Amino acid sequence: MTRLFWKVYMTLTGWKISGRFPYEIKKAVIIVAPHTSWRDVVIGLMARSVLQLKTARFLGKKELFDVPFGFFFRWMGGIPVDRFSKHNMVDQVVQLFNETDALLLGLSPEGTRGKVDRLRTGFYHIAKKAGVPIIMVGFDFKKKEIIFAEPFYAGDDEAIDFKHIINFFAPVQGYHPEMGLGHLG
C-alpha cells in the first residue's frame, strides 16, 4: 500500500530516477545531496519505497527516539546514536555495519540543510573503516530527478575522493539551489 502511494506521488509530481541502484550491494553508505530543505526527506522516503530499499536507514540523535515520537522515527528507519558517548560516532556506526548482514545507511554529506564551505567527513570514515562502498544520490529539484552514481570505495587519497564527490554533486540543484554544492566545484 505504501509503495503504491509513493509510485502515484512520484508520477503525479513528475519525479524520475536516473541511473541504477546497485541491488547486489547489501551494505553501503548512501550520501544524498544537496540537502537544502525538509522536502528532501519526502523525496528520500519516496525513493526508498519505490525502489524497495527495505534495509535503508538513517542516523538520528538519540533524543529524537524518546517519547513521544521515538516510535515514529524508528518506524521511518531511524537509528539512534549517542553523540556524547565515549565511543565516537564513526566507531558506533562501523559497529552497526559489523553486526548486520544488510544495511544501507543514508546520510547527508553536508550535515545540515544550510550552505556549507566543505563537506563533513564522517560518512567517508565510516565507509572506509566498515569496508563498504559509498553510493552517491543527487536529488535534483530543477530536473525532478533522483540521480544515482556508480558506487565506489574510499581510496588512499581522501582529497581525490572528495573531488570526485564534489564533481558529482556540484551540478545537482536542491530545492534551494543557492544553498547547494555548486560553489565547491
C-alpha atoms as a PDB file:
ATOM      1  CA  MET A   1       0.000   0.000   0.000  1.00  0.00           C
ATOM      2  CA  THR A   2       2.755   2.440   0.927  1.00  0.00           C
ATOM      3  CA  ARG A   3       4.685   1.679  -2.255  1.00  0.00           C
ATOM      4  CA  LEU A   4       1.582   2.278  -4.373  1.00  0.00           C
ATOM      5  CA  PHE A   5       1.062   5.658  -2.687  1.00  0.00           C
ATOM      6  CA  TRP A   6       4.659   6.703  -3.396  1.00  0.00           C
ATOM      7  CA  LYS A   7       4.530   5.467  -7.002  1.00  0.00           C
ATOM      8  CA  VAL A   8       1.399   7.540  -7.604  1.00  0.00           C
ATOM      9  CA  TYR A   9       3.004  10.524  -5.841  1.00  0.00           C
ATOM     10  CA  MET A  10       6.124  10.158  -7.988  1.00  0.00           C
ATOM     11  CA  THR A  11       4.059  10.049 -11.179  1.00  0.00           C
ATOM     12  CA  LEU A  12       1.844  12.993 -10.228  1.00  0.00           C
ATOM     13  CA  THR A  13       4.783  15.175  -9.201  1.00  0.00           C
ATOM     14  CA  GLY A  14       6.883  14.283 -12.254  1.00  0.00           C
ATOM     15  CA  TRP A  15       9.925  12.832 -10.471  1.00  0.00           C
ATOM     16  CA  LYS A  16      12.024  10.202 -12.215  1.00  0.00           C
ATOM     17  CA  ILE A  17      15.018   8.031 -11.447  1.00  0.00           C
ATOM     18  CA  SER A  18      18.252   8.371 -13.391  1.00  0.00           C
ATOM     19  CA  GLY A  19      20.875   5.670 -13.102  1.00  0.00           C
ATOM     20  CA  ARG A  20      20.583   2.350 -11.358  1.00  0.00           C
ATOM     21  CA  PHE A  21      20.512   1.387  -7.717  1.00  0.00           C
ATOM     22  CA  PRO A  22      23.017  -1.479  -7.172  1.00  0.00           C
ATOM     23  CA  TYR A  23      20.748  -4.064  -5.522  1.00  0.00           C
ATOM     24  CA  GLU A  24      23.620  -6.542  -5.400  1.00  0.00           C
ATOM     25  CA  ILE A  25      25.259  -4.390  -2.706  1.00  0.00           C
ATOM     26  CA  LYS A  26      23.878  -5.269   0.720  1.00  0.00           C
ATOM     27  CA  LYS A  27      25.909  -2.821   2.813  1.00  0.00           C
ATOM     28  CA  ALA A  28      26.757   0.754   1.834  1.00  0.00           C
ATOM     29  CA  VAL A  29      26.881   4.351   2.936  1.00  0.00           C
ATOM     30  CA  ILE A  30      24.487   6.317   0.744  1.00  0.00           C
ATOM     31  CA  ILE A  31      25.241  10.021   0.630  1.00  0.00           C
ATOM     32  CA  VAL A  32      22.359  12.179  -0.540  1.00  0.00           C
ATOM     33  CA  ALA A  33      22.823  15.813  -1.538  1.00  0.00           C
ATOM     34  CA  PRO A  34      22.294  18.645  -1.783  1.00  0.00           C
ATOM     35  CA  HIS A  35      20.346  18.782   1.469  1.00  0.00           C
ATOM     36  CA  THR A  36      18.647  22.191   1.329  1.00  0.00           C
ATOM     37  CA  SER A  37      15.089  21.592   2.534  1.00  0.00           C
ATOM     38  CA  TRP A  38      12.826  19.378   4.627  1.00  0.00           C
ATOM     39  CA  ARG A  39      11.384  18.321   1.245  1.00  0.00           C
ATOM     40  CA  ASP A  40      14.494  16.159   0.755  1.00  0.00           C
ATOM     41  CA  VAL A  41      13.100  13.792   3.380  1.00  0.00           C
ATOM     42  CA  VAL A  42       9.887  13.372   1.391  1.00  0.00           C
ATOM     43  CA  ILE A  43      11.821  12.597  -1.804  1.00  0.00           C
ATOM     44  CA  GLY A  44      14.032  10.180   0.146  1.00  0.00           C
ATOM     45  CA  LEU A  45      11.035   8.317   1.565  1.00  0.00           C
ATOM     46  CA  MET A  46       9.530   8.159  -1.909  1.00  0.00           C
ATOM     47  CA  ALA A  47      12.742   6.778  -3.441  1.00  0.00           C
ATOM     48  CA  ARG A  48      13.225   4.244  -0.647  1.00  0.00           C
ATOM     49  CA  SER A  49       9.685   2.939  -1.063  1.00  0.00           C
ATOM     50  CA  VAL A  50       9.545   2.922  -4.874  1.00  0.00           C
ATOM     51  CA  LEU A  51      12.949   1.219  -5.111  1.00  0.00           C
ATOM     52  CA  GLN A  52      12.011  -1.185  -2.270  1.00  0.00           C
ATOM     53  CA  LEU A  53      15.130  -0.444  -0.228  1.00  0.00           C
ATOM     54  CA  LYS A  54      13.932  -2.169   2.923  1.00  0.00           C
ATOM     55  CA  THR A  55      17.311  -2.039   4.673  1.00  0.00           C
ATOM     56  CA  ALA A  56      17.797   1.716   4.030  1.00  0.00           C
ATOM     57  CA  ARG A  57      18.134   3.535   7.344  1.00  0.00           C
ATOM     58  CA  PHE A  58      19.327   6.888   8.674  1.00  0.00           C
ATOM     59  CA  LEU A  59      21.028   8.163  11.810  1.00  0.00           C
ATOM     60  CA  GLY A  60      19.385  10.435  14.341  1.00  0.00           C
ATOM     61  CA  LYS A  61      20.404  11.862  17.674  1.00  0.00           C
ATOM     62  CA  LYS A  62      19.156   9.525  20.386  1.00  0.00           C
ATOM     63  CA  GLU A  63      16.961  12.232  21.925  1.00  0.00           C
ATOM     64  CA  LEU A  64      14.674  12.045  18.857  1.00  0.00           C
ATOM     65  CA  PHE A  65      13.858   8.455  19.793  1.00  0.00           C
ATOM     66  CA  ASP A  66      12.462   9.321  23.223  1.00  0.00           C
ATOM     67  CA  VAL A  67       8.740   9.543  23.991  1.00  0.00           C
ATOM     68  CA  PRO A  68       6.508  10.753  22.359  1.00  0.00           C
ATOM     69  CA  PHE A  69       7.998  10.495  18.838  1.00  0.00           C
ATOM     70  CA  GLY A  70      10.532   7.693  19.220  1.00  0.00           C
ATOM     71  CA  PHE A  71       8.262   5.063  17.669  1.00  0.00           C
ATOM     72  CA  PHE A  72       7.776   7.265  14.608  1.00  0.00           C
ATOM     73  CA  PHE A  73      11.498   7.772  13.971  1.00  0.00           C
ATOM     74  CA  ARG A  74      12.177   4.041  14.393  1.00  0.00           C
ATOM     75  CA  TRP A  75       9.300   3.217  12.041  1.00  0.00           C
ATOM     76  CA  MET A  76      10.797   5.626   9.496  1.00  0.00           C
ATOM     77  CA  GLY A  77      14.091   3.690   9.616  1.00  0.00           C
ATOM     78  CA  GLY A  78      15.975   5.790  12.118  1.00  0.00           C
ATOM     79  CA  ILE A  79      18.874   4.504  14.179  1.00  0.00           C
ATOM     80  CA  PRO A  80      19.533   6.365  17.424  1.00  0.00           C
ATOM     81  CA  VAL A  81      23.140   7.351  18.079  1.00  0.00           C
ATOM     82  CA  ASP A  82      24.683   8.898  21.161  1.00  0.00           C
ATOM     83  CA  ARG A  83      26.629  11.947  20.066  1.00  0.00           C
ATOM     84  CA  PHE A  84      28.145  12.321  23.522  1.00  0.00           C
ATOM     85  CA  SER A  85      29.241   8.735  24.075  1.00  0.00           C
ATOM     86  CA  LYS A  86      32.807   7.762  24.986  1.00  0.00           C
ATOM     87  CA  HIS A  87      32.840   5.944  21.651  1.00  0.00           C
ATOM     88  CA  ASN A  88      32.954   8.259  18.685  1.00  0.00           C
ATOM     89  CA  MET A  89      30.149   8.302  16.138  1.00  0.00           C
ATOM     90  CA  VAL A  90      32.233   6.681  13.391  1.00  0.00           C
ATOM     91  CA  ASP A  91      33.052   3.678  15.586  1.00  0.00           C
ATOM     92  CA  GLN A  92      29.415   3.347  16.700  1.00  0.00           C
ATOM     93  CA  VAL A  93      28.240   3.172  13.088  1.00  0.00           C
ATOM     94  CA  VAL A  94      31.039   0.858  11.975  1.00  0.00           C
ATOM     95  CA  GLN A  95      29.930  -1.488  14.765  1.00  0.00           C
ATOM     96  CA  LEU A  96      26.381  -1.388  13.342  1.00  0.00           C
ATOM     97  CA  PHE A  97      27.731  -2.431   9.935  1.00  0.00           C
ATOM     98  CA  ASN A  98      29.746  -5.229  11.538  1.00  0.00           C
ATOM     99  CA  GLU A  99      26.685  -6.560  13.400  1.00  0.00           C
ATOM    100  CA  THR A 100      24.363  -6.853  10.407  1.00  0.00           C
ATOM    101  CA  ASP A 101      24.178  -8.630   7.070  1.00  0.00           C
ATOM    102  CA  ALA A 102      22.410  -5.778   5.270  1.00  0.00           C
ATOM    103  CA  LEU A 103      22.495  -2.050   5.970  1.00  0.00           C
ATOM    104  CA  LEU A 104      22.094   0.846   3.576  1.00  0.00           C
ATOM    105  CA  LEU A 105      22.830   3.946   5.622  1.00  0.00           C
ATOM    106  CA  GLY A 106      21.630   7.244   4.186  1.00  0.00           C
ATOM    107  CA  LEU A 107      23.480  10.374   5.263  1.00  0.00           C
ATOM    108  CA  SER A 108      23.789  13.979   4.195  1.00  0.00           C
ATOM    109  CA  PRO A 109      27.441  14.794   3.483  1.00  0.00           C
ATOM    110  CA  GLU A 110      26.748  18.417   4.453  1.00  0.00           C
ATOM    111  CA  GLY A 111      25.378  17.501   7.880  1.00  0.00           C
ATOM    112  CA  THR A 112      22.863  20.370   7.661  1.00  0.00           C
ATOM    113  CA  ARG A 113      20.320  21.968   5.342  1.00  0.00           C
ATOM    114  CA  GLY A 114      22.290  25.199   5.210  1.00  0.00           C
ATOM    115  CA  LYS A 115      25.037  26.249   2.822  1.00  0.00           C
ATOM    116  CA  VAL A 116      28.412  24.759   3.761  1.00  0.00           C
ATOM    117  CA  ASP A 117      32.016  25.623   2.968  1.00  0.00           C
ATOM    118  CA  ARG A 118      33.054  21.969   2.988  1.00  0.00           C
ATOM    119  CA  LEU A 119      31.567  18.519   3.324  1.00  0.00           C
ATOM    120  CA  ARG A 120      31.687  16.641   6.612  1.00  0.00           C
ATOM    121  CA  THR A 121      33.983  13.633   6.624  1.00  0.00           C
ATOM    122  CA  GLY A 122      32.200  11.220   8.968  1.00  0.00           C
ATOM    123  CA  PHE A 123      30.410   9.345   6.190  1.00  0.00           C
ATOM    124  CA  TYR A 124      33.733   8.830   4.419  1.00  0.00           C
ATOM    125  CA  HIS A 125      35.477   7.441   7.500  1.00  0.00           C
ATOM    126  CA  ILE A 126      32.501   5.213   8.291  1.00  0.00           C
ATOM    127  CA  ALA A 127      32.598   3.708   4.791  1.00  0.00           C
ATOM    128  CA  LYS A 128      36.364   3.276   4.881  1.00  0.00           C
ATOM    129  CA  LYS A 129      36.500   1.670   8.351  1.00  0.00           C
ATOM    130  CA  ALA A 130      33.498  -0.570   7.648  1.00  0.00           C
ATOM    131  CA  GLY A 131      34.861  -1.569   4.234  1.00  0.00           C
ATOM    132  CA  VAL A 132      31.621  -0.671   2.474  1.00  0.00           C
ATOM    133  CA  PRO A 133      31.095   1.315  -0.725  1.00  0.00           C
ATOM    134  CA  ILE A 134      29.749   4.835  -0.987  1.00  0.00           C
ATOM    135  CA  ILE A 135      26.731   5.368  -3.213  1.00  0.00           C
ATOM    136  CA  MET A 136      26.095   8.977  -4.233  1.00  0.00           C
ATOM    137  CA  VAL A 137      22.497  10.073  -4.830  1.00  0.00           C
ATOM    138  CA  GLY A 138      21.529  13.526  -6.028  1.00  0.00           C
ATOM    139  CA  PHE A 139      18.064  14.998  -5.538  1.00  0.00           C
ATOM    140  CA  ASP A 140      17.768  17.456  -8.434  1.00  0.00           C
ATOM    141  CA  PHE A 141      14.649  19.555  -7.881  1.00  0.00           C
ATOM    142  CA  LYS A 142      15.121  21.515 -11.122  1.00  0.00           C
ATOM    143  CA  LYS A 143      15.020  18.361 -13.256  1.00  0.00           C
ATOM    144  CA  LYS A 144      12.867  16.411 -10.746  1.00  0.00           C
ATOM    145  CA  GLU A 145      15.410  13.632 -10.906  1.00  0.00           C
ATOM    146  CA  ILE A 146      16.848  11.213  -8.379  1.00  0.00           C
ATOM    147  CA  ILE A 147      20.332  10.565  -9.757  1.00  0.00           C
ATOM    148  CA  PHE A 148      22.404   7.506  -8.852  1.00  0.00           C
ATOM    149  CA  ALA A 149      26.168   7.372  -9.387  1.00  0.00           C
ATOM    150  CA  GLU A 150      28.226   4.207  -9.612  1.00  0.00           C
ATOM    151  CA  PRO A 151      29.311   3.010  -6.147  1.00  0.00           C
ATOM    152  CA  PHE A 152      32.935   3.488  -5.148  1.00  0.00           C
ATOM    153  CA  TYR A 153      35.164   2.553  -2.230  1.00  0.00           C
ATOM    154  CA  ALA A 154      37.098   5.150  -0.255  1.00  0.00           C
ATOM    155  CA  GLY A 155      40.641   5.100  -1.566  1.00  0.00           C
ATOM    156  CA  ASP A 156      44.040   6.066  -0.230  1.00  0.00           C
ATOM    157  CA  ASP A 157      43.737   9.716  -1.245  1.00  0.00           C
ATOM    158  CA  GLU A 158      40.882  11.467   0.553  1.00  0.00           C
ATOM    159  CA  ALA A 159      41.368  14.674  -1.473  1.00  0.00           C
ATOM    160  CA  ILE A 160      40.868  12.832  -4.772  1.00  0.00           C
ATOM    161  CA  ASP A 161      37.773  11.054  -3.432  1.00  0.00           C
ATOM    162  CA  PHE A 162      36.243  14.312  -2.209  1.00  0.00           C
ATOM    163  CA  LYS A 163      36.936  15.967  -5.571  1.00  0.00           C
ATOM    164  CA  HIS A 164      35.022  13.073  -7.186  1.00  0.00           C
ATOM    165  CA  ILE A 165      32.143  13.590  -4.744  1.00  0.00           C
ATOM    166  CA  ILE A 166      32.007  17.357  -5.278  1.00  0.00           C
ATOM    167  CA  ASN A 167      32.136  16.926  -9.073  1.00  0.00           C
ATOM    168  CA  PHE A 168      29.087  14.661  -8.896  1.00  0.00           C
ATOM    169  CA  PHE A 169      27.013  16.890  -6.621  1.00  0.00           C
ATOM    170  CA  ALA A 170      28.052  20.374  -7.888  1.00  0.00           C
ATOM    171  CA  PRO A 171      25.582  20.480 -10.823  1.00  0.00           C
ATOM    172  CA  VAL A 172      22.684  18.972  -8.830  1.00  0.00           C
ATOM    173  CA  GLN A 173      20.171  21.647  -7.827  1.00  0.00           C
ATOM    174  CA  GLY A 174      18.462  21.260  -4.487  1.00  0.00           C
ATOM    175  CA  TYR A 175      15.133  22.809  -3.573  1.00  0.00           C
ATOM    176  CA  HIS A 176      17.054  25.953  -2.604  1.00  0.00           C
ATOM    177  CA  PRO A 177      19.742  25.989  -5.343  1.00  0.00           C
ATOM    178  CA  GLU A 178      21.709  28.810  -3.722  1.00  0.00           C
ATOM    179  CA  MET A 179      22.428  26.510  -0.767  1.00  0.00           C
ATOM    180  CA  GLY A 180      23.683  23.629  -2.905  1.00  0.00           C
ATOM    181  CA  LEU A 181      27.234  22.469  -3.519  1.00  0.00           C
ATOM    182  CA  GLY A 182      27.947  24.181  -6.844  1.00  0.00           C
ATOM    183  CA  HIS A 183      30.268  26.714  -5.219  1.00  0.00           C
ATOM    184  CA  LEU A 184      32.538  23.877  -4.017  1.00  0.00           C
ATOM    185  CA  GLY A 185      33.149  22.564  -7.560  1.00  0.00           C
END
